[in-house]
PDB file of N, CA and C in Angstrom:
ATOM      1  N   UNK A   1      40.864 165.357  73.451  1.00  0.00           N
ATOM      2  CA  UNK A   1      42.246 165.378  74.003  1.00  0.00           C
ATOM      3  C   UNK A   1      42.965 166.629  73.631  1.00  0.00           C
ATOM      4  N   UNK A   2      43.375 167.476  74.447  1.00  0.00           N
ATOM      5  CA  UNK A   2      44.129 168.800  74.169  1.00  0.00           C
ATOM      6  C   UNK A   2      45.608 168.606  74.164  1.00  0.00           C
ATOM      7  N   UNK A   3      46.286 169.517  73.308  1.00  0.00           N
ATOM      8  CA  UNK A   3      47.736 169.523  73.199  1.00  0.00           C
ATOM      9  C   UNK A   3      48.383 169.822  74.647  1.00  0.00           C
ATOM     10  N   UNK A   4      47.734 170.763  75.449  1.00  0.00           N
ATOM     11  CA  UNK A   4      48.334 171.238  76.651  1.00  0.00           C
ATOM     12  C   UNK A   4      48.428 169.930  77.660  1.00  0.00           C
ATOM     13  N   UNK A   5      47.750 168.864  77.428  1.00  0.00           N
ATOM     14  CA  UNK A   5      47.721 167.739  78.465  1.00  0.00           C
ATOM     15  C   UNK A   5      49.201 167.055  78.220  1.00  0.00           C
ATOM     16  N   UNK A   6      49.817 167.199  77.041  1.00  0.00           N
ATOM     17  CA  UNK A   6      51.021 166.651  77.017  1.00  0.00           C
ATOM     18  C   UNK A   6      52.199 167.473  77.730  1.00  0.00           C
ATOM     19  N   UNK A   7      51.855 168.646  78.188  1.00  0.00           N
ATOM     20  CA  UNK A   7      52.963 169.428  78.782  1.00  0.00           C
ATOM     21  C   UNK A   7      52.772 169.097  80.362  1.00  0.00           C
ATOM     22  N   UNK A   8      54.007 168.856  80.943  1.00  0.00           N
ATOM     23  CA  UNK A   8      53.928 168.534  82.311  1.00  0.00           C
ATOM     24  C   UNK A   8      54.304 169.923  83.109  1.00  0.00           C
ATOM     25  N   UNK A   9      53.080 170.447  83.675  1.00  0.00           N
ATOM     26  CA  UNK A   9      53.131 171.693  84.426  1.00  0.00           C
ATOM     27  C   UNK A   9      53.516 171.456  85.779  1.00  0.00           C
ATOM     28  N   UNK A  10      54.108 172.528  86.515  1.00  0.00           N
ATOM     29  CA  UNK A  10      54.268 172.371  87.836  1.00  0.00           C
ATOM     30  C   UNK A  10      53.068 172.153  88.717  1.00  0.00           C
ATOM     31  N   UNK A  11      53.257 171.606  89.838  1.00  0.00           N
ATOM     32  CA  UNK A  11      52.201 171.235  90.760  1.00  0.00           C
ATOM     33  C   UNK A  11      51.425 172.545  91.144  1.00  0.00           C
ATOM     34  N   UNK A  12      50.320 172.377  91.572  1.00  0.00           N
ATOM     35  CA  UNK A  12      49.359 173.461  92.029  1.00  0.00           C
ATOM     36  C   UNK A  12      49.967 174.215  93.167  1.00  0.00           C
ATOM     37  N   UNK A  13      50.606 173.549  94.160  1.00  0.00           N
ATOM     38  CA  UNK A  13      51.086 174.265  95.410  1.00  0.00           C
ATOM     39  C   UNK A  13      52.254 175.069  94.904  1.00  0.00           C
ATOM     40  N   UNK A  14      53.114 174.553  94.034  1.00  0.00           N
ATOM     41  CA  UNK A  14      54.304 175.213  93.550  1.00  0.00           C
ATOM     42  C   UNK A  14      53.795 176.470  92.658  1.00  0.00           C
ATOM     43  N   UNK A  15      52.716 176.167  91.866  1.00  0.00           N
ATOM     44  CA  UNK A  15      52.126 177.294  90.985  1.00  0.00           C
ATOM     45  C   UNK A  15      51.726 178.476  91.717  1.00  0.00           C
ATOM     46  N   UNK A  16      50.863 178.295  92.831  1.00  0.00           N
ATOM     47  CA  UNK A  16      50.391 179.252  93.681  1.00  0.00           C
ATOM     48  C   UNK A  16      51.471 179.893  94.520  1.00  0.00           C
ATOM     49  N   UNK A  17      52.632 179.323  94.868  1.00  0.00           N
ATOM     50  CA  UNK A  17      53.672 179.772  95.757  1.00  0.00           C
ATOM     51  C   UNK A  17      54.448 180.592  94.804  1.00  0.00           C
ATOM     52  N   UNK A  18      54.846 180.263  93.582  1.00  0.00           N
ATOM     53  CA  UNK A  18      55.623 181.038  92.835  1.00  0.00           C
ATOM     54  C   UNK A  18      55.186 181.962  91.806  1.00  0.00           C
ATOM     55  N   UNK A  19      54.020 181.698  91.207  1.00  0.00           N
ATOM     56  CA  UNK A  19      53.473 182.701  90.325  1.00  0.00           C
ATOM     57  C   UNK A  19      53.068 183.890  90.958  1.00  0.00           C
ATOM     58  N   UNK A  20      53.212 185.048  90.221  1.00  0.00           N
ATOM     59  CA  UNK A  20      52.744 186.345  90.797  1.00  0.00           C
ATOM     60  C   UNK A  20      51.283 186.156  90.715  1.00  0.00           C
ATOM     61  N   UNK A  21      50.576 187.075  91.516  1.00  0.00           N
ATOM     62  CA  UNK A  21      49.151 187.189  91.714  1.00  0.00           C
ATOM     63  C   UNK A  21      48.452 187.536  90.399  1.00  0.00           C
ATOM     64  N   UNK A  22      49.098 188.397  89.650  1.00  0.00           N
ATOM     65  CA  UNK A  22      48.477 188.874  88.386  1.00  0.00           C
ATOM     66  C   UNK A  22      48.433 187.686  87.339  1.00  0.00           C
ATOM     67  N   UNK A  23      49.156 186.535  87.574  1.00  0.00           N
ATOM     68  CA  UNK A  23      49.038 185.283  86.661  1.00  0.00           C
ATOM     69  C   UNK A  23      48.272 184.370  87.404  1.00  0.00           C
ATOM     70  N   UNK A  24      48.627 184.038  88.710  1.00  0.00           N
ATOM     71  CA  UNK A  24      47.758 182.971  89.312  1.00  0.00           C
ATOM     72  C   UNK A  24      46.330 183.333  89.730  1.00  0.00           C
ATOM     73  N   UNK A  25      46.026 184.566  89.963  1.00  0.00           N
ATOM     74  CA  UNK A  25      44.635 185.116  90.310  1.00  0.00           C
ATOM     75  C   UNK A  25      43.884 184.106  91.122  1.00  0.00           C
ATOM     76  N   UNK A  26      44.353 183.843  92.324  1.00  0.00           N
ATOM     77  CA  UNK A  26      43.693 182.826  93.070  1.00  0.00           C
ATOM     78  C   UNK A  26      42.258 182.895  93.516  1.00  0.00           C
ATOM     79  N   UNK A  27      41.718 184.348  93.363  1.00  0.00           N
ATOM     80  CA  UNK A  27      40.335 184.439  93.572  1.00  0.00           C
ATOM     81  C   UNK A  27      39.500 183.792  92.535  1.00  0.00           C
ATOM     82  N   UNK A  28      39.935 183.718  91.367  1.00  0.00           N
ATOM     83  CA  UNK A  28      39.264 183.116  90.202  1.00  0.00           C
ATOM     84  C   UNK A  28      39.688 181.704  90.053  1.00  0.00           C
ATOM     85  N   UNK A  29      40.900 181.401  90.075  1.00  0.00           N
ATOM     86  CA  UNK A  29      41.494 180.196  89.607  1.00  0.00           C
ATOM     87  C   UNK A  29      41.187 179.052  90.650  1.00  0.00           C
ATOM     88  N   UNK A  30      41.207 179.367  91.921  1.00  0.00           N
ATOM     89  CA  UNK A  30      40.704 178.296  92.953  1.00  0.00           C
ATOM     90  C   UNK A  30      39.357 177.631  92.592  1.00  0.00           C
ATOM     91  N   UNK A  31      38.532 178.439  92.071  1.00  0.00           N
ATOM     92  CA  UNK A  31      37.230 177.805  91.996  1.00  0.00           C
ATOM     93  C   UNK A  31      36.807 177.383  90.494  1.00  0.00           C
ATOM     94  N   UNK A  32      37.646 177.693  89.543  1.00  0.00           N
ATOM     95  CA  UNK A  32      37.361 177.503  88.218  1.00  0.00           C
ATOM     96  C   UNK A  32      38.511 176.870  87.623  1.00  0.00           C
ATOM     97  N   UNK A  33      38.415 175.439  87.281  1.00  0.00           N
ATOM     98  CA  UNK A  33      39.517 174.626  86.799  1.00  0.00           C
ATOM     99  C   UNK A  33      40.132 175.043  85.448  1.00  0.00           C
ATOM    100  N   UNK A  34      38.992 175.581  84.649  1.00  0.00           N
ATOM    101  CA  UNK A  34      39.446 176.045  83.238  1.00  0.00           C
ATOM    102  C   UNK A  34      40.450 177.184  83.371  1.00  0.00           C
ATOM    103  N   UNK A  35      40.071 178.167  84.065  1.00  0.00           N
ATOM    104  CA  UNK A  35      40.743 179.495  84.407  1.00  0.00           C
ATOM    105  C   UNK A  35      42.131 178.877  85.072  1.00  0.00           C
ATOM    106  N   UNK A  36      42.109 177.963  85.913  1.00  0.00           N
ATOM    107  CA  UNK A  36      43.184 177.610  86.672  1.00  0.00           C
ATOM    108  C   UNK A  36      44.327 177.082  85.541  1.00  0.00           C
ATOM    109  N   UNK A  37      43.752 176.189  84.546  1.00  0.00           N
ATOM    110  CA  UNK A  37      44.626 175.640  83.588  1.00  0.00           C
ATOM    111  C   UNK A  37      45.146 176.687  82.816  1.00  0.00           C
ATOM    112  N   UNK A  38      44.316 177.676  82.474  1.00  0.00           N
ATOM    113  CA  UNK A  38      44.807 178.660  81.539  1.00  0.00           C
ATOM    114  C   UNK A  38      45.939 179.563  82.402  1.00  0.00           C
ATOM    115  N   UNK A  39      45.670 179.757  83.611  1.00  0.00           N
ATOM    116  CA  UNK A  39      46.735 180.414  84.333  1.00  0.00           C
ATOM    117  C   UNK A  39      48.107 179.739  84.371  1.00  0.00           C
ATOM    118  N   UNK A  40      47.991 178.393  84.519  1.00  0.00           N
ATOM    119  CA  UNK A  40      49.127 177.680  84.723  1.00  0.00           C
ATOM    120  C   UNK A  40      49.839 177.639  83.444  1.00  0.00           C
ATOM    121  N   UNK A  41      49.101 177.614  82.244  1.00  0.00           N
ATOM    122  CA  UNK A  41      49.716 177.651  81.023  1.00  0.00           C
ATOM    123  C   UNK A  41      50.522 178.889  80.756  1.00  0.00           C
ATOM    124  N   UNK A  42      49.894 180.025  81.241  1.00  0.00           N
ATOM    125  CA  UNK A  42      50.382 181.443  81.026  1.00  0.00           C
ATOM    126  C   UNK A  42      51.759 181.338  81.982  1.00  0.00           C
ATOM    127  N   UNK A  43      51.702 180.813  83.136  1.00  0.00           N
ATOM    128  CA  UNK A  43      53.036 180.910  84.013  1.00  0.00           C
ATOM    129  C   UNK A  43      54.111 180.084  83.277  1.00  0.00           C
ATOM    130  N   UNK A  44      53.749 178.806  82.768  1.00  0.00           N
ATOM    131  CA  UNK A  44      54.556 177.930  82.118  1.00  0.00           C
ATOM    132  C   UNK A  44      55.220 178.877  80.803  1.00  0.00           C
ATOM    133  N   UNK A  45      54.315 179.490  80.068  1.00  0.00           N
ATOM    134  CA  UNK A  45      54.872 180.389  79.010  1.00  0.00           C
ATOM    135  C   UNK A  45      55.846 181.414  79.508  1.00  0.00           C
ATOM    136  N   UNK A  46      55.574 182.039  80.482  1.00  0.00           N
ATOM    137  CA  UNK A  46      56.461 183.088  81.087  1.00  0.00           C
ATOM    138  C   UNK A  46      57.730 182.625  81.477  1.00  0.00           C
ATOM    139  N   UNK A  47      57.631 181.422  82.222  1.00  0.00           N
ATOM    140  CA  UNK A  47      58.903 180.769  82.603  1.00  0.00           C
ATOM    141  C   UNK A  47      59.772 180.446  81.566  1.00  0.00           C
ATOM    142  N   UNK A  48      59.131 179.858  80.494  1.00  0.00           N
ATOM    143  CA  UNK A  48      59.911 179.293  79.205  1.00  0.00           C
ATOM    144  C   UNK A  48      60.501 180.514  78.626  1.00  0.00           C
ATOM    145  N   UNK A  49      59.842 181.711  78.501  1.00  0.00           N
ATOM    146  CA  UNK A  49      60.407 182.926  77.759  1.00  0.00           C
ATOM    147  C   UNK A  49      61.590 183.280  78.700  1.00  0.00           C
ATOM    148  N   UNK A  50      61.455 183.362  79.947  1.00  0.00           N
ATOM    149  CA  UNK A  50      62.725 183.789  80.810  1.00  0.00           C
ATOM    150  C   UNK A  50      63.855 182.813  80.599  1.00  0.00           C
ATOM    151  N   UNK A  51      63.649 181.665  80.484  1.00  0.00           N
ATOM    152  CA  UNK A  51      64.666 180.538  80.389  1.00  0.00           C
ATOM    153  C   UNK A  51      65.195 180.649  79.014  1.00  0.00           C
ATOM    154  N   UNK A  52      64.396 181.034  77.813  1.00  0.00           N
ATOM    155  CA  UNK A  52      65.075 181.265  76.610  1.00  0.00           C
ATOM    156  C   UNK A  52      65.853 182.415  76.646  1.00  0.00           C
ATOM    157  N   UNK A  53      65.573 183.377  77.231  1.00  0.00           N
ATOM    158  CA  UNK A  53      66.340 184.682  77.280  1.00  0.00           C
ATOM    159  C   UNK A  53      67.595 184.455  78.018  1.00  0.00           C
ATOM    160  N   UNK A  54      67.513 183.653  79.049  1.00  0.00           N
ATOM    161  CA  UNK A  54      68.756 183.443  79.841  1.00  0.00           C
ATOM    162  C   UNK A  54      69.759 182.485  79.045  1.00  0.00           C
ATOM    163  N   UNK A  55      69.122 181.570  78.262  1.00  0.00           N
ATOM    164  CA  UNK A  55      69.898 180.754  77.423  1.00  0.00           C
ATOM    165  C   UNK A  55      70.691 181.523  76.463  1.00  0.00           C
ATOM    166  N   UNK A  56      69.942 182.581  75.838  1.00  0.00           N
ATOM    167  CA  UNK A  56      70.595 183.350  74.796  1.00  0.00           C
ATOM    168  C   UNK A  56      71.851 184.132  75.410  1.00  0.00           C
ATOM    169  N   UNK A  57      71.536 184.734  76.676  1.00  0.00           N
ATOM    170  CA  UNK A  57      72.464 185.450  77.442  1.00  0.00           C
ATOM    171  C   UNK A  57      73.819 184.414  77.592  1.00  0.00           C
ATOM    172  N   UNK A  58      73.459 183.239  78.041  1.00  0.00           N
ATOM    173  CA  UNK A  58      74.532 182.324  78.240  1.00  0.00           C
ATOM    174  C   UNK A  58      75.358 182.095  76.968  1.00  0.00           C
ATOM    175  N   UNK A  59      74.726 181.768  75.732  1.00  0.00           N
ATOM    176  CA  UNK A  59      75.390 181.653  74.717  1.00  0.00           C
ATOM    177  C   UNK A  59      76.108 182.635  74.295  1.00  0.00           C
ATOM    178  N   UNK A  60      75.841 183.942  74.472  1.00  0.00           N
ATOM    179  CA  UNK A  60      76.458 185.066  74.096  1.00  0.00           C
ATOM    180  C   UNK A  60      77.754 185.089  74.936  1.00  0.00           C
ATOM    181  N   UNK A  61      77.692 184.872  76.251  1.00  0.00           N
ATOM    182  CA  UNK A  61      78.674 184.888  77.340  1.00  0.00           C
ATOM    183  C   UNK A  61      79.774 183.758  76.753  1.00  0.00           C
ATOM    184  N   UNK A  62      79.289 182.696  76.372  1.00  0.00           N
ATOM    185  CA  UNK A  62      80.003 181.587  75.997  1.00  0.00           C
ATOM    186  C   UNK A  62      81.016 181.844  74.674  1.00  0.00           C
ATOM    187  N   UNK A  63      80.163 182.482  73.701  1.00  0.00           N
ATOM    188  CA  UNK A  63      80.942 182.902  72.518  1.00  0.00           C
ATOM    189  C   UNK A  63      82.110 183.943  72.865  1.00  0.00           C
ATOM    190  N   UNK A  64      81.813 184.838  73.675  1.00  0.00           N
ATOM    191  CA  UNK A  64      82.766 185.873  74.093  1.00  0.00           C
ATOM    192  C   UNK A  64      83.898 185.165  74.957  1.00  0.00           C
ATOM    193  N   UNK A  65      83.775 184.254  75.750  1.00  0.00           N
ATOM    194  CA  UNK A  65      84.800 183.591  76.295  1.00  0.00           C
ATOM    195  C   UNK A  65      85.466 182.818  75.321  1.00  0.00           C
ATOM    196  N   UNK A  66      84.907 182.099  74.367  1.00  0.00           N
ATOM    197  CA  UNK A  66      85.614 181.310  73.493  1.00  0.00           C
ATOM    198  C   UNK A  66      86.514 182.193  72.553  1.00  0.00           C
ATOM    199  N   UNK A  67      86.113 183.338  72.287  1.00  0.00           N
ATOM    200  CA  UNK A  67      86.878 184.165  71.522  1.00  0.00           C
ATOM    201  C   UNK A  67      88.158 184.796  72.292  1.00  0.00           C
ATOM    202  N   UNK A  68      87.922 184.953  73.535  1.00  0.00           N
ATOM    203  CA  UNK A  68      89.030 185.456  74.394  1.00  0.00           C
ATOM    204  C   UNK A  68      89.967 184.348  74.521  1.00  0.00           C
ATOM    205  N   UNK A  69      89.579 183.013  74.654  1.00  0.00           N
ATOM    206  CA  UNK A  69      90.508 181.858  74.679  1.00  0.00           C
ATOM    207  C   UNK A  69      91.343 181.850  73.303  1.00  0.00           C
ATOM    208  N   UNK A  70      90.601 181.994  72.398  1.00  0.00           N
ATOM    209  CA  UNK A  70      91.231 181.809  70.978  1.00  0.00           C
ATOM    210  C   UNK A  70      92.311 183.074  70.936  1.00  0.00           C
ATOM    211  N   UNK A  71      91.981 184.119  71.300  1.00  0.00           N
ATOM    212  CA  UNK A  71      93.030 185.231  71.327  1.00  0.00           C
ATOM    213  C   UNK A  71      94.324 184.853  72.110  1.00  0.00           C
ATOM    214  N   UNK A  72      94.013 184.335  73.330  1.00  0.00           N
ATOM    215  CA  UNK A  72      95.135 184.023  74.175  1.00  0.00           C
ATOM    216  C   UNK A  72      95.982 182.840  73.530  1.00  0.00           C
ATOM    217  N   UNK A  73      95.332 181.885  72.979  1.00  0.00           N
ATOM    218  CA  UNK A  73      95.994 180.867  72.372  1.00  0.00           C
ATOM    219  C   UNK A  73      96.807 181.382  71.235  1.00  0.00           C
ATOM    220  N   UNK A  74      96.360 182.203  70.426  1.00  0.00           N
ATOM    221  CA  UNK A  74      97.186 182.774  69.339  1.00  0.00           C
ATOM    222  C   UNK A  74      98.527 183.607  69.947  1.00  0.00           C
ATOM    223  N   UNK A  75      98.232 184.383  71.113  1.00  0.00           N
ATOM    224  CA  UNK A  75      99.288 185.143  71.767  1.00  0.00           C
ATOM    225  C   UNK A  75     100.344 184.000  72.190  1.00  0.00           C
ATOM    226  N   UNK A  76      99.832 182.866  72.961  1.00  0.00           N
ATOM    227  CA  UNK A  76     100.709 181.881  73.494  1.00  0.00           C
ATOM    228  C   UNK A  76     101.562 181.272  72.361  1.00  0.00           C
ATOM    229  N   UNK A  77     100.977 180.873  71.281  1.00  0.00           N
ATOM    230  CA  UNK A  77     101.506 180.254  70.178  1.00  0.00           C
ATOM    231  C   UNK A  77     102.587 181.067  69.424  1.00  0.00           C
ATOM    232  N   UNK A  78     102.362 182.424  69.281  1.00  0.00           N
ATOM    233  CA  UNK A  78     103.470 183.298  68.883  1.00  0.00           C
ATOM    234  C   UNK A  78     104.579 183.658  69.838  1.00  0.00           C
ATOM    235  N   UNK A  79     104.413 183.255  71.069  1.00  0.00           N
ATOM    236  CA  UNK A  79     105.406 183.518  72.108  1.00  0.00           C
ATOM    237  C   UNK A  79     106.591 182.808  71.888  1.00  0.00           C
ATOM    238  N   UNK A  80     106.491 181.435  71.501  1.00  0.00           N
ATOM    239  CA  UNK A  80     107.593 180.583  71.441  1.00  0.00           C
ATOM    240  C   UNK A  80     108.592 181.208  70.404  1.00  0.00           C
ATOM    241  N   UNK A  81     108.097 181.424  69.130  1.00  0.00           N
ATOM    242  CA  UNK A  81     109.022 181.889  68.209  1.00  0.00           C
ATOM    243  C   UNK A  81     109.941 183.188  68.692  1.00  0.00           C
ATOM    244  N   UNK A  82     109.221 184.088  69.448  1.00  0.00           N
ATOM    245  CA  UNK A  82     109.868 185.169  69.908  1.00  0.00           C
ATOM    246  C   UNK A  82     110.810 184.962  70.986  1.00  0.00           C
ATOM    247  N   UNK A  83     110.572 184.064  71.863  1.00  0.00           N
ATOM    248  CA  UNK A  83     111.440 183.493  72.881  1.00  0.00           C
ATOM    249  C   UNK A  83     112.663 182.841  72.142  1.00  0.00           C
ATOM    250  N   UNK A  84     112.509 182.121  71.017  1.00  0.00           N
ATOM    251  CA  UNK A  84     113.547 181.559  70.391  1.00  0.00           C
ATOM    252  C   UNK A  84     114.654 182.692  69.730  1.00  0.00           C
ATOM    253  N   UNK A  85     113.997 183.680  69.180  1.00  0.00           N
ATOM    254  CA  UNK A  85     114.640 184.827  68.725  1.00  0.00           C
ATOM    255  C   UNK A  85     115.481 185.554  69.748  1.00  0.00           C
ATOM    256  N   UNK A  86     114.944 185.788  70.949  1.00  0.00           N
ATOM    257  CA  UNK A  86     115.706 186.327  72.105  1.00  0.00           C
ATOM    258  C   UNK A  86     116.839 185.460  72.464  1.00  0.00           C
ATOM    259  N   UNK A  87     116.496 184.188  72.595  1.00  0.00           N
ATOM    260  CA  UNK A  87     117.603 183.209  72.945  1.00  0.00           C
ATOM    261  C   UNK A  87     118.740 183.278  72.151  1.00  0.00           C
ATOM    262  N   UNK A  88     118.588 183.410  70.742  1.00  0.00           N
ATOM    263  CA  UNK A  88     119.695 183.358  69.879  1.00  0.00           C
ATOM    264  C   UNK A  88     120.382 184.851  69.907  1.00  0.00           C
TER     265      UNK A  88
END
């Protein structure tokens, strides 16, 4: 039993539809189940790398937004004392 059998891969139809020809290589993989499995694992790896990169970008964006929110909160909290001094 191999480790790759624990990974749930996309269906064959979806693989051939979405994977680029340089990964799917239909001329080879349609007749060779071993090469087909290797190609599907390559595609899975490629997708996971893209998702990991997108995740990092989202985290960076989230951190930036949280910092902006904190700056705005500080500004708003300092606004009340200034308004009080103006009113006096």
